[in-house]
Amino acid sequence: MPFPLRPLGATLACLIPVVAPAHPNPAGIDWQRVGDFSIARTEATVGQFRRFVDATGTVTRAERNGGGEVFEAGWTRKPGWTWRTPFGGNAPAHDDEPAVHVTYGEAEAFCRWAGGRLPTDAEWLRAAYFELRESPPPPFMRGKTYPYPTGERPDGAQCLDDCGPAARQRAVNHGARLMRGDGHARVSATSAGVNGLHDMGGNAWEWVDEPRGGNAEGERRTRGGSWWYGEAQMRAGHLQGKPGDTTVVYIGFRCVRQP
């Protein structure tokens, strides 16, 4: 009795295994390999954070409290200042602005959802100052440690006064009246620095997992400085932190993952 013939395409489909991606990337993060781990090339963006919120239903602490904070004459809560509208007002942030007004715990949850975690302090420092690319473009040199995440000088970062006149020109603040500084930049508006990373110095402070595994609402370290500060805060030796439940206009984050 002859056997029924199966279409060739159906036969091949049965034989070819379906390979799931090694690393799900629901946030669409652009990862850069740095030694034995990978790190996001940019700070987590508003567009990426929106995907997380849509997928998880997260309502941030700043939203629940009616707004995040900025330091004016002391810490001042600003109505409507959230990751969606970082400087308040009715105009939503662009998708490529850094996600700020986010607590340490919210940043940690985003990174887990995105397939990674927050960097340790040691990981962040290594990525920011020690060039590990096999053939980095000039002026960067493999194996060299730099004083700034931008290289030998702070020029080109989004910082206050010390980073060149372009910092003011590219600042985004949606018309807010600021008592200090000009605002953050879109995440790829500055040139890539050490290891091809953007804004490891200036723009927004970044939460890191230090002390390791500590209470999410306890004191947590931030790295890199921000648009609110000058070049001194961009150096590796500058230590600064905030309570993990802080929601501030100039603190953001980026994720790492195992390659």
Protein backbone atom coordinates (compact mmCIF):
# COMPACT_ATOMS: atom_id res chain seq x y z
CA MET A 1 0.00 0.00 0.00
CA PRO A 2 1.64 3.28 -1.02
CA PHE A 3 2.29 5.85 1.72
CA PRO A 4 0.75 9.31 1.29
CA LEU A 5 3.26 11.92 0.26
CA ARG A 6 3.82 14.94 2.55
CA PRO A 7 4.68 18.34 1.10
CA LEU A 8 8.45 18.95 1.21
CA GLY A 9 8.01 22.22 3.12
CA ALA A 10 6.09 20.50 5.89
CA THR A 11 8.77 17.82 6.16
CA LEU A 12 11.56 20.39 6.42
CA ALA A 13 9.61 22.36 9.00
CA CYS A 14 9.48 19.26 11.19
CA LEU A 15 13.22 18.72 10.87
CA ILE A 16 14.42 22.29 11.52
CA PRO A 17 14.45 23.10 15.23
CA VAL A 18 13.00 26.39 16.40
CA VAL A 19 15.78 28.24 18.21
CA ALA A 20 14.69 30.80 20.77
CA PRO A 21 16.84 33.93 21.00
CA ALA A 22 19.63 33.50 23.57
CA HIS A 23 18.64 36.71 25.28
CA PRO A 24 15.07 38.02 25.10
CA ASN A 25 15.25 41.78 24.68
CA PRO A 26 11.76 43.17 25.32
CA ALA A 27 13.07 46.68 25.94
CA GLY A 28 15.05 46.82 22.71
CA ILE A 29 18.29 47.69 24.52
CA ASP A 30 21.44 48.17 22.43
CA TRP A 31 23.99 46.05 24.32
CA GLN A 32 27.77 46.52 24.30
CA ARG A 33 30.10 43.69 25.33
CA VAL A 34 32.58 44.82 28.01
CA GLY A 35 34.81 41.94 29.05
CA ASP A 36 32.71 39.27 30.77
CA PHE A 37 29.42 41.19 30.72
CA SER A 38 27.36 43.42 28.44
CA ILE A 39 26.06 46.87 29.30
CA ALA A 40 23.46 49.12 27.68
CA ARG A 41 25.08 51.66 25.37
CA THR A 42 22.73 54.36 26.66
CA GLU A 43 20.82 55.16 29.78
CA ALA A 44 17.40 53.54 29.88
CA THR A 45 15.10 55.68 27.79
CA VAL A 46 11.56 56.93 28.16
CA GLY A 47 10.51 54.73 25.24
CA GLN A 48 12.06 51.63 26.80
CA PHE A 49 10.55 52.40 30.18
CA ARG A 50 7.13 52.84 28.56
CA ARG A 51 7.37 49.28 27.20
CA PHE A 52 8.07 48.06 30.73
CA VAL A 53 5.13 50.01 32.16
CA ASP A 54 2.78 48.76 29.44
CA ALA A 55 3.88 45.16 30.02
CA THR A 56 3.79 45.19 33.83
CA GLY A 57 1.27 47.85 34.81
CA THR A 58 3.88 49.60 36.95
CA VAL A 59 2.91 52.94 38.48
CA THR A 60 6.03 54.66 39.74
CA ARG A 61 6.48 56.22 43.14
CA ALA A 62 6.78 59.68 41.57
CA GLU A 63 3.43 59.18 39.83
CA ARG A 64 1.77 57.99 43.04
CA ASN A 65 3.18 60.99 44.90
CA GLY A 66 2.04 63.49 42.28
CA GLY A 67 5.57 64.22 41.05
CA GLY A 68 9.28 63.75 41.62
CA GLU A 69 11.78 66.13 43.14
CA VAL A 70 14.57 68.59 42.42
CA PHE A 71 16.88 70.42 44.81
CA GLU A 72 16.04 74.12 44.96
CA ALA A 73 15.92 75.68 48.44
CA GLY A 74 16.02 72.15 49.81
CA TRP A 75 14.30 69.15 48.24
CA THR A 76 11.21 70.34 46.40
CA ARG A 77 8.45 68.14 45.02
CA LYS A 78 7.42 69.25 41.54
CA PRO A 79 3.83 68.45 40.53
CA GLY A 80 3.64 66.40 37.35
CA TRP A 81 7.39 65.76 37.10
CA THR A 82 7.58 62.02 36.30
CA TRP A 83 9.33 59.77 33.81
CA ARG A 84 6.59 60.65 31.29
CA THR A 85 7.02 64.42 31.73
CA PRO A 86 10.38 64.86 33.50
CA PHE A 87 10.07 68.64 33.72
CA GLY A 88 6.30 68.78 34.10
CA GLY A 89 3.95 70.52 31.71
CA ASN A 90 1.73 68.94 29.11
CA ALA A 91 4.36 67.92 26.55
CA PRO A 92 5.44 64.29 26.99
CA ALA A 93 9.12 63.42 26.90
CA HIS A 94 10.66 62.20 23.66
CA ASP A 95 11.23 58.46 23.54
CA ASP A 96 15.02 58.96 23.49
CA GLU A 97 15.23 61.05 26.65
CA PRO A 98 16.62 59.32 29.75
CA ALA A 99 14.04 57.80 32.09
CA VAL A 100 14.36 59.72 35.36
CA HIS A 101 12.25 60.13 38.53
CA VAL A 102 12.71 56.36 38.94
CA THR A 103 13.57 54.72 42.27
CA TYR A 104 16.31 52.15 42.71
CA GLY A 105 13.69 49.40 43.09
CA GLU A 106 11.87 50.48 39.92
CA ALA A 107 15.15 50.54 37.99
CA GLU A 108 15.98 47.09 39.34
CA ALA A 109 12.57 45.76 38.28
CA PHE A 110 12.98 47.21 34.78
CA CYS A 111 16.37 45.55 34.34
CA ARG A 112 15.03 42.16 35.47
CA TRP A 113 12.14 42.47 33.01
CA ALA A 114 14.61 43.52 30.29
CA GLY A 115 16.70 40.37 30.81
CA GLY A 116 19.44 41.83 32.96
CA ARG A 117 20.08 43.61 36.25
CA LEU A 118 21.60 46.80 37.58
CA PRO A 119 25.40 46.91 37.38
CA THR A 120 27.59 46.45 40.40
CA ASP A 121 29.78 49.41 41.27
CA ALA A 122 32.85 47.53 40.00
CA GLU A 123 31.15 46.71 36.69
CA TRP A 124 30.03 50.27 36.18
CA LEU A 125 33.53 51.63 36.87
CA ARG A 126 35.16 49.14 34.53
CA ALA A 127 32.79 49.99 31.69
CA ALA A 128 33.09 53.75 32.25
CA TYR A 129 36.85 54.24 32.50
CA PHE A 130 38.77 51.18 31.19
CA GLU A 131 38.79 50.73 27.41
CA LEU A 132 38.20 47.06 26.56
CA ARG A 133 37.27 47.11 22.88
CA GLU A 134 39.59 45.13 20.63
CA SER A 135 40.04 47.96 18.12
CA PRO A 136 38.53 51.17 19.51
CA PRO A 137 38.36 54.20 17.23
CA PRO A 138 40.83 57.03 17.89
CA PRO A 139 41.54 58.61 20.28
CA PHE A 140 40.69 55.61 22.50
CA MET A 141 43.29 52.92 23.14
CA ARG A 142 42.64 49.35 24.28
CA GLY A 143 43.79 48.66 27.84
CA LYS A 144 43.94 52.32 28.89
CA THR A 145 42.19 53.78 31.93
CA TYR A 146 40.77 57.26 31.38
CA PRO A 147 40.01 59.99 33.95
CA TYR A 148 36.55 60.61 32.50
CA PRO A 149 34.02 58.38 30.74
CA THR A 150 34.47 60.75 27.79
CA GLY A 151 38.24 60.13 27.72
CA GLU A 152 41.02 62.49 28.73
CA ARG A 153 38.71 65.47 29.18
CA PRO A 154 35.06 66.02 30.15
CA ASP A 155 34.34 67.85 26.89
CA GLY A 156 31.29 66.51 25.12
CA ALA A 157 29.42 65.30 28.19
CA GLN A 158 26.14 66.82 29.35
CA CYS A 159 27.34 68.59 32.48
CA LEU A 160 27.26 72.04 34.05
CA ASP A 161 29.85 74.61 32.89
CA ASP A 162 32.80 72.21 32.37
CA CYS A 163 31.71 70.27 29.29
CA GLY A 164 31.68 72.90 26.56
CA PRO A 165 29.03 75.24 25.11
CA ALA A 166 27.23 72.43 23.24
CA ALA A 167 25.84 71.14 26.53
CA ARG A 168 23.49 74.11 26.78
CA GLN A 169 22.53 73.88 23.11
CA ARG A 170 21.45 70.23 23.30
CA ALA A 171 19.75 70.52 26.70
CA VAL A 172 16.11 69.43 26.89
CA ASN A 173 13.93 70.86 29.67
CA HIS A 174 10.56 71.34 27.97
CA GLY A 175 10.46 75.01 28.93
CA ALA A 176 10.83 74.46 32.68
CA ARG A 177 12.38 77.26 34.73
CA LEU A 178 15.37 75.67 36.45
CA MET A 179 17.27 77.20 39.36
CA ARG A 180 20.44 75.37 38.28
CA GLY A 181 21.63 73.73 35.07
CA ASP A 182 19.99 73.52 31.67
CA GLY A 183 18.50 70.03 31.48
CA HIS A 184 19.41 66.59 30.18
CA ALA A 185 20.25 65.56 26.62
CA ARG A 186 18.68 62.89 24.46
CA VAL A 187 20.60 59.70 25.11
CA SER A 188 22.69 59.61 21.93
CA ALA A 189 23.07 63.36 21.47
CA THR A 190 26.54 63.26 23.04
CA SER A 191 29.47 61.46 21.47
CA ALA A 192 30.23 57.89 22.49
CA GLY A 193 32.99 57.62 25.06
CA VAL A 194 35.03 54.81 26.58
CA ASN A 195 33.82 51.40 25.32
CA GLY A 196 31.44 53.12 22.92
CA LEU A 197 29.05 54.13 25.71
CA HIS A 198 27.02 57.31 25.87
CA ASP A 199 26.50 59.49 28.96
CA MET A 200 28.42 57.42 31.51
CA GLY A 201 29.61 60.87 32.57
CA GLY A 202 27.02 63.62 33.00
CA ASN A 203 23.40 63.70 31.80
CA ALA A 204 21.81 61.63 34.61
CA TRP A 205 23.27 59.98 37.68
CA GLU A 206 22.92 56.19 37.41
CA TRP A 207 21.85 53.77 40.15
CA VAL A 208 24.33 50.94 40.82
CA ASP A 209 24.03 47.86 43.03
CA GLU A 210 26.15 49.15 45.91
CA PRO A 211 26.08 48.01 48.64
CA ARG A 212 25.59 44.66 46.90
CA GLY A 213 22.13 43.20 47.47
CA GLY A 214 21.18 45.88 49.97
CA ASN A 215 17.71 47.12 50.82
CA ALA A 216 16.17 48.76 47.75
CA GLU A 217 15.04 51.72 49.90
CA GLY A 218 18.29 52.02 51.84
CA GLU A 219 21.22 54.20 50.80
CA ARG A 220 22.26 53.31 47.25
CA ARG A 221 25.20 54.58 45.24
CA THR A 222 24.84 56.68 42.11
CA ARG A 223 27.56 57.12 39.52
CA GLY A 224 28.64 59.45 36.74
CA GLY A 225 27.37 62.88 37.68
CA SER A 226 24.61 64.72 35.85
CA TRP A 227 23.61 67.87 34.01
CA TRP A 228 23.17 69.51 37.42
CA TYR A 229 26.89 69.16 38.28
CA GLY A 230 30.31 69.88 36.74
CA GLU A 231 33.20 67.59 35.84
CA ALA A 232 34.28 66.62 39.38
CA GLN A 233 31.28 64.31 39.82
CA MET A 234 32.20 62.48 36.60
CA ARG A 235 35.43 61.07 38.08
CA ALA A 236 35.75 57.55 39.46
CA GLY A 237 36.84 58.78 42.88
CA HIS A 238 33.63 60.75 43.48
CA LEU A 239 31.26 58.81 45.71
CA GLN A 240 27.63 59.83 46.03
CA GLY A 241 24.39 58.13 46.94
CA LYS A 242 20.75 58.65 47.76
CA PRO A 243 18.06 56.71 49.58
CA GLY A 244 16.81 54.11 47.11
CA ASP A 245 13.26 55.46 47.16
CA THR A 246 14.42 58.87 45.86
CA THR A 247 12.69 60.12 42.69
CA VAL A 248 14.76 62.94 41.23
CA VAL A 249 14.89 64.69 37.88
CA TYR A 250 18.58 63.91 37.39
CA ILE A 251 18.83 60.24 38.46
CA GLY A 252 18.39 57.53 35.84
CA PHE A 253 20.02 54.13 35.23
CA ARG A 254 21.22 51.55 32.72
CA CYS A 255 21.27 47.74 32.80
CA VAL A 256 23.88 45.01 32.42
CA ARG A 257 23.53 41.32 31.57
CA GLN A 258 25.72 38.29 31.11
CA PRO A 259 26.72 37.93 27.45
